[in-house]
Protein backbone atom coordinates (compact mmCIF):
# COMPACT_ATOMS: atom_id res chain seq x y z
CA MET A 1 2.92 -4.55 5.62
CA ALA A 2 5.97 -5.02 7.81
CA LEU A 3 8.30 -3.54 5.20
CA LEU A 4 5.95 -0.60 4.61
CA LEU A 5 5.74 0.07 8.34
CA ASP A 6 9.51 -0.09 8.62
CA ASP A 7 9.94 2.44 5.79
CA LEU A 8 7.44 4.83 7.40
CA LEU A 9 9.22 4.59 10.74
CA ASP A 10 12.59 5.14 9.07
CA VAL A 11 11.34 8.32 7.39
CA SER A 12 9.95 9.49 10.73
CA ARG A 13 13.26 8.83 12.49
CA ILE A 14 15.20 10.69 9.78
CA THR A 15 12.85 13.67 10.04
CA ARG A 16 13.30 13.78 13.82
CA GLY A 17 17.06 13.28 13.60
CA MET A 18 16.83 9.98 15.48
CA LEU A 19 18.15 7.52 12.87
CA GLN A 20 21.78 6.65 13.50
CA LEU A 21 23.96 5.12 10.81
CA ARG A 22 26.15 2.14 11.66
CA LYS A 23 29.07 2.76 9.34
CA ALA A 24 31.62 0.08 8.57
CA PRO A 25 33.93 -0.81 5.68
CA ALA A 26 31.88 -2.52 2.98
CA GLU A 27 32.31 -3.75 -0.58
CA LEU A 28 29.96 -2.38 -3.21
CA GLY A 29 29.30 -5.73 -4.88
CA ALA A 30 28.12 -7.31 -1.62
CA VAL A 31 25.82 -4.37 -0.91
CA VAL A 32 24.36 -4.53 -4.42
CA ASP A 33 23.77 -8.29 -4.07
CA ALA A 34 21.81 -7.74 -0.86
CA ALA A 35 19.68 -5.04 -2.51
CA VAL A 36 18.95 -7.12 -5.62
CA GLU A 37 17.93 -10.10 -3.49
CA THR A 38 15.35 -7.91 -1.75
CA VAL A 39 13.74 -6.59 -4.93
CA ARG A 40 14.24 -9.61 -7.21
CA PRO A 41 10.68 -11.00 -6.71
CA LEU A 42 9.16 -7.72 -8.02
CA ILE A 43 11.53 -7.57 -10.98
CA ASP A 44 10.84 -11.19 -11.90
CA ALA A 45 7.08 -10.80 -11.45
CA ARG A 46 7.08 -7.97 -14.01
CA ARG A 47 9.41 -9.92 -16.34
CA HIS A 48 12.03 -7.17 -16.44
CA THR A 49 15.62 -7.65 -17.53
CA LEU A 50 18.06 -6.40 -14.91
CA CYS A 51 21.59 -5.57 -16.07
CA ILE A 52 24.26 -4.90 -13.45
CA ASP A 53 27.50 -3.19 -14.40
CA LEU A 54 30.17 -3.11 -11.69
CA PRO A 55 33.97 -2.97 -12.04
CA THR A 56 35.80 -6.29 -11.77
CA GLU A 57 37.97 -4.82 -9.02
CA PRO A 58 36.14 -4.50 -5.69
CA ILE A 59 35.10 -1.02 -4.60
CA ALA A 60 35.41 -0.39 -0.86
CA PHE A 61 33.65 2.39 0.99
CA GLU A 62 32.69 3.28 4.55
CA VAL A 63 28.90 3.32 4.83
CA ASP A 64 26.03 1.73 6.67
CA PRO A 65 25.76 -1.32 4.36
CA LEU A 66 22.18 -2.12 5.38
CA ARG A 67 21.00 1.43 4.63
CA VAL A 68 22.86 1.66 1.29
CA ALA A 69 21.30 -1.65 0.26
CA GLN A 70 17.96 -0.11 1.25
CA ILE A 71 18.65 2.90 -0.99
CA ILE A 72 19.50 0.70 -3.98
CA ALA A 73 16.52 -1.60 -3.40
CA ASN A 74 14.14 1.35 -3.25
CA LEU A 75 15.49 2.76 -6.52
CA LEU A 76 15.28 -0.62 -8.24
CA GLY A 77 11.77 -1.17 -6.88
CA ASN A 78 10.72 2.25 -8.12
CA ALA A 79 12.10 1.46 -11.59
CA ALA A 80 10.35 -1.90 -11.64
CA LYS A 81 6.95 -0.43 -10.73
CA TYR A 82 7.10 2.36 -13.29
CA THR A 83 8.37 0.31 -16.21
CA GLU A 84 5.92 -1.65 -18.33
CA PRO A 85 6.25 -5.45 -17.97
CA GLY A 86 9.15 -6.84 -19.97
CA GLY A 87 11.23 -3.68 -19.60
CA ARG A 88 14.92 -3.13 -18.99
CA ILE A 89 16.53 -1.83 -15.80
CA GLU A 90 20.23 -1.06 -15.50
CA LEU A 91 22.26 -0.65 -12.32
CA ALA A 92 25.80 0.67 -12.67
CA GLY A 93 28.36 1.50 -10.01
CA ARG A 94 31.82 3.04 -10.13
CA ARG A 95 34.30 5.01 -8.08
CA VAL A 96 34.88 8.61 -9.12
CA ASP A 97 37.65 10.24 -7.09
CA GLY A 98 36.41 10.31 -3.49
CA GLU A 99 32.87 9.15 -4.25
CA VAL A 100 30.99 6.01 -5.22
CA GLU A 101 28.48 6.71 -7.96
CA LEU A 102 25.41 4.50 -8.41
CA ARG A 103 23.11 4.91 -11.39
CA VAL A 104 19.71 3.19 -11.84
CA THR A 105 18.21 3.61 -15.31
CA ASP A 106 14.96 2.26 -16.76
CA ASN A 107 13.07 2.46 -20.05
CA GLY A 108 9.78 3.07 -18.28
CA ILE A 109 7.09 5.72 -18.45
CA GLY A 110 9.41 8.60 -17.61
CA LEU A 111 9.14 11.78 -15.57
CA ARG A 112 7.69 15.17 -16.30
CA LYS A 113 10.32 17.90 -16.55
CA ASP A 114 8.80 19.83 -13.65
CA ALA A 115 8.81 16.83 -11.30
CA MET A 116 12.54 16.28 -10.75
CA ASP A 117 12.69 17.76 -7.24
CA GLU A 118 9.15 17.14 -6.07
CA ILE A 119 9.41 13.40 -6.73
CA PHE A 120 11.56 13.00 -3.61
CA GLU A 121 8.85 14.37 -1.31
CA MET A 122 6.76 12.08 0.90
CA PHE A 123 3.57 10.56 -0.56
CA THR A 124 4.36 11.91 -4.03
CA GLN A 125 3.70 9.96 -7.23
CA LEU A 126 4.64 12.19 -10.14
CA ARG A 127 5.56 9.87 -12.95
CA ALA A 128 4.62 10.81 -16.50
CA GLU A 129 0.92 11.30 -17.14
CA ASP A 130 0.27 10.90 -13.37
CA ARG A 131 0.15 7.14 -13.76
CA SER A 132 0.52 5.33 -10.48
CA ALA A 133 1.75 1.80 -9.94
CA GLY A 134 0.63 1.53 -6.34
CA GLY A 135 2.46 2.23 -3.11
CA LEU A 136 2.39 5.38 -1.00
CA GLY A 137 5.28 7.33 -2.52
CA ILE A 138 7.63 6.63 0.39
CA GLY A 139 10.59 4.88 -1.26
CA LEU A 140 12.23 7.86 -2.96
CA ALA A 141 11.76 10.11 0.08
CA LEU A 142 13.43 7.47 2.24
CA ALA A 143 16.24 7.02 -0.28
CA LYS A 144 16.92 10.76 -0.29
CA GLY A 145 16.95 10.89 3.51
CA LEU A 146 19.38 7.98 3.80
CA VAL A 147 21.65 9.43 1.12
CA GLY A 148 21.65 12.74 2.99
CA LEU A 149 22.66 11.05 6.24
CA HIS A 150 25.68 9.64 4.40
CA GLY A 151 26.63 13.12 3.21
CA GLY A 152 25.83 12.21 -0.39
CA SER A 153 23.51 13.43 -3.12
CA ILE A 154 20.73 12.00 -5.28
CA GLU A 155 19.20 13.38 -8.45
CA ALA A 156 16.65 12.29 -11.03
CA SER A 157 16.55 12.91 -14.77
CA SER A 158 14.31 11.98 -17.67
CA GLU A 159 13.87 13.02 -21.29
CA GLY A 160 10.14 13.11 -20.73
CA PRO A 161 7.03 10.89 -20.96
CA GLY A 162 7.77 7.44 -22.36
CA ARG A 163 11.53 8.06 -22.39
CA GLY A 164 12.53 6.31 -19.18
CA SER A 165 14.23 7.71 -16.08
CA SER A 166 17.61 7.75 -14.41
CA PHE A 167 18.55 8.20 -10.75
CA VAL A 168 22.12 8.92 -9.70
CA VAL A 169 23.38 8.53 -6.13
CA ARG A 170 26.80 9.75 -5.04
CA LEU A 171 28.22 8.69 -1.68
CA PRO A 172 31.55 9.65 -0.06
CA VAL A 173 34.03 6.78 0.02
CA GLY A 174 34.89 7.58 3.62
CA LYS A 175 37.82 6.31 5.66
CA VAL A 176 38.90 3.18 3.80
CA GLU A 177 42.26 2.33 2.34
CA ARG A 178 42.33 2.74 -1.42
CA ALA A 179 44.22 -0.56 -1.75
CA LEU A 180 41.56 -2.50 0.13
CA THR A 181 40.39 -5.33 -2.13
CA VAL A 182 38.27 -7.57 0.08
CA VAL A 183 35.72 -6.36 2.61
CA PRO A 184 33.73 -9.03 4.43
CA PRO A 185 29.95 -8.53 4.59
CA PRO A 186 28.45 -7.60 7.96
CA ALA A 187 28.49 -10.59 10.27
CA GLU A 188 25.15 -12.21 10.96
CA GLU A 189 23.78 -12.20 14.46
CA PRO A 190 24.77 -15.37 16.32
CA ALA A 191 21.96 -17.90 16.49
CA GLU A 192 22.12 -17.93 20.28
CA ARG A 193 21.03 -14.28 20.37
CA ALA A 194 17.67 -15.14 18.82
CA LYS A 195 14.87 -14.98 21.37
CA ARG A 196 11.54 -16.72 21.91
CA ILE A 197 9.04 -13.85 22.02
CA LEU A 198 5.33 -13.63 22.81
CA VAL A 199 3.43 -10.73 21.22
CA ALA A 200 -0.08 -10.10 22.57
CA ASP A 201 -2.37 -7.38 21.22
CA ASP A 202 -6.07 -7.38 20.36
CA ASN A 203 -5.24 -5.25 17.30
CA ARG A 204 -4.42 -8.12 14.93
CA ASP A 205 -2.69 -5.96 12.33
CA ALA A 206 -0.43 -4.38 14.93
CA ALA A 207 0.40 -7.75 16.51
CA GLU A 208 1.15 -9.49 13.22
CA SER A 209 3.22 -6.57 11.91
CA LEU A 210 5.37 -6.44 15.04
CA ALA A 211 5.72 -10.22 15.03
CA GLU A 212 6.85 -10.22 11.40
CA LEU A 213 9.43 -7.52 12.07
CA LEU A 214 10.83 -9.62 14.91
CA ARG A 215 10.89 -12.74 12.75
CA LEU A 216 12.82 -10.85 10.07
CA ASN A 217 15.46 -10.26 12.75
CA GLY A 218 15.76 -13.98 13.43
CA HIS A 219 13.53 -14.35 16.49
CA GLU A 220 10.96 -17.08 17.12
CA VAL A 221 7.60 -15.43 17.73
CA THR A 222 4.11 -16.50 18.77
CA VAL A 223 1.06 -14.22 18.78
CA ALA A 224 -2.06 -13.92 20.95
CA PHE A 225 -5.02 -11.56 20.57
CA ASP A 226 -6.47 -11.43 24.10
CA GLY A 227 -5.27 -11.77 27.67
CA GLU A 228 -6.41 -15.34 28.30
CA SER A 229 -4.81 -16.55 25.06
CA ALA A 230 -1.62 -14.73 26.02
CA LEU A 231 -1.43 -16.71 29.26
CA ASP A 232 -2.08 -19.97 27.40
CA GLU A 233 0.68 -19.15 24.89
CA PHE A 234 3.06 -18.27 27.69
CA ALA A 235 2.52 -21.66 29.32
CA ARG A 236 2.92 -23.47 25.99
CA PHE A 237 5.73 -21.48 24.38
CA HIS A 238 7.86 -20.51 27.41
CA PRO A 239 9.02 -17.19 25.90
CA GLN A 240 12.07 -15.30 27.08
CA VAL A 241 10.38 -11.98 26.30
CA ALA A 242 6.68 -11.02 26.27
CA LEU A 243 5.41 -7.85 24.58
CA LEU A 244 1.95 -7.27 26.02
CA ASP A 245 -0.68 -4.72 25.07
CA ILE A 246 -2.39 -3.29 28.16
CA GLY A 247 -5.92 -2.82 26.80
CA MET A 248 -6.75 -6.39 25.82
CA PRO A 249 -10.17 -8.10 26.20
CA LYS A 250 -10.87 -10.96 28.65
CA MET A 251 -7.79 -10.01 30.69
CA ASP A 252 -5.82 -6.78 30.44
CA GLY A 253 -2.06 -6.65 30.09
CA ASN A 254 -1.44 -5.70 33.72
CA ALA A 255 -3.42 -8.72 34.90
CA VAL A 256 -1.55 -10.96 32.45
CA ALA A 257 1.79 -9.65 33.72
CA SER A 258 0.83 -10.26 37.34
CA ALA A 259 -0.34 -13.80 36.51
CA ILE A 260 2.89 -14.54 34.67
CA ARG A 261 5.00 -13.32 37.59
CA ARG A 262 3.15 -15.69 39.92
CA THR A 263 4.21 -18.73 37.86
CA SER A 264 7.49 -20.56 38.40
CA ALA A 265 8.61 -19.65 34.86
CA GLY A 266 7.58 -16.02 35.23
CA HIS A 267 10.59 -14.87 37.22
CA ASP A 268 13.07 -15.02 34.32
CA VAL A 269 10.94 -13.59 31.51
CA THR A 270 11.33 -9.96 30.40
CA LEU A 271 7.90 -8.27 30.30
CA VAL A 272 7.39 -5.22 28.10
CA ALA A 273 4.16 -3.21 28.25
CA ILE A 274 2.99 -1.78 24.92
CA THR A 275 0.19 0.72 25.29
CA GLY A 276 -1.38 3.90 24.04
CA TRP A 277 -1.45 5.21 27.60
CA GLY A 278 1.81 6.97 28.41
CA GLN A 279 1.16 9.02 31.54
CA GLU A 280 3.27 8.53 34.65
CA LYS A 281 0.42 6.82 36.51
CA ASP A 282 0.05 4.33 33.65
CA ARG A 283 3.76 3.55 33.80
CA ASN A 284 3.61 3.13 37.58
CA GLN A 285 0.66 0.72 37.29
CA ALA A 286 2.54 -1.33 34.71
CA MET A 287 5.68 -1.51 36.85
CA ALA A 288 3.60 -2.51 39.87
CA ALA A 289 2.01 -5.30 37.82
CA GLY A 290 5.42 -6.78 37.08
CA PHE A 291 6.52 -5.21 33.80
CA ASP A 292 10.20 -4.48 33.26
CA HIS A 293 9.67 -1.84 30.57
CA HIS A 294 6.86 0.45 29.38
CA LEU A 295 6.60 1.51 25.71
CA THR A 296 3.95 3.75 24.20
CA LYS A 297 2.43 3.22 20.76
CA PRO A 298 3.50 3.49 17.99
CA VAL A 299 6.41 1.35 19.09
CA ASP A 300 9.86 2.20 17.73
CA PRO A 301 11.39 -1.07 16.41
CA ASP A 302 14.87 0.22 17.27
CA ARG A 303 13.87 0.56 20.91
CA VAL A 304 12.47 -2.99 20.91
CA GLN A 305 15.74 -4.28 19.44
CA GLN A 306 17.69 -2.45 22.15
CA LEU A 307 15.64 -4.15 24.85
CA LEU A 308 16.08 -7.55 23.22
CA ALA A 309 19.83 -7.06 22.88
CA ALA A 310 20.06 -6.23 26.58
CA ARG A 311 18.08 -9.36 27.55
């Protein structure tokens, strides 16, 4: 659920022009390894054979390594879903002049000839014979958007039903020295930057999804589903940051914030209001109750990360 929510939010940010790439020198093999690790459970569960063909000499390019890994993982996941169990998936990469070319090929159920462009649209599942393997048709739309942000191109091809499919991505190499042979992977966040975070929301799905997203970023998270439980968790867990829904039962978020501020430990915690009410009077009430920040639903994970980084 967390990964699906993240993909939906990414597509929304791309559409609104709000997703910013974090480009850095990267090595293709390291990016491919990260992508394969993400999608390996699906490939193994469907008993596919994955063949990876990369040059022995490292290929350096200037990209957002996280987003390129996301592109590759989405293409591999798409191939795995639309290939019958026990199939074969191939991932090849090479440098062609000023571009890096990535090709994902499968021997799956194929594509109709008239579906090559439409398949990259949101919520579209146009594999041969309209057979669906689940999902919401988000992965290819997201891949196309991320490729476009890099100034690259993506195209699909198939010889028809039952003949498999191929997806080719081309990305500019960017500003890297041609002689560059070793590019370190992106450094991990230092352990000391991880936070203890309380998430409180009576919508269990929303609370658990947000908590899981935060855990994926290395934070320690506890969850509560009403105001009284949120206060109990605060006293037990001693969080550095509390993300509190306003409209909770038993005790609303403003009352919880005020109660926290009255405790000896409540002076150092960062309180973030998360609410569906976004008018100026709602913001003023939250600030008066002791909140440091006021976010309206649906919450942008990037904005949450910015607040945590500033903590």
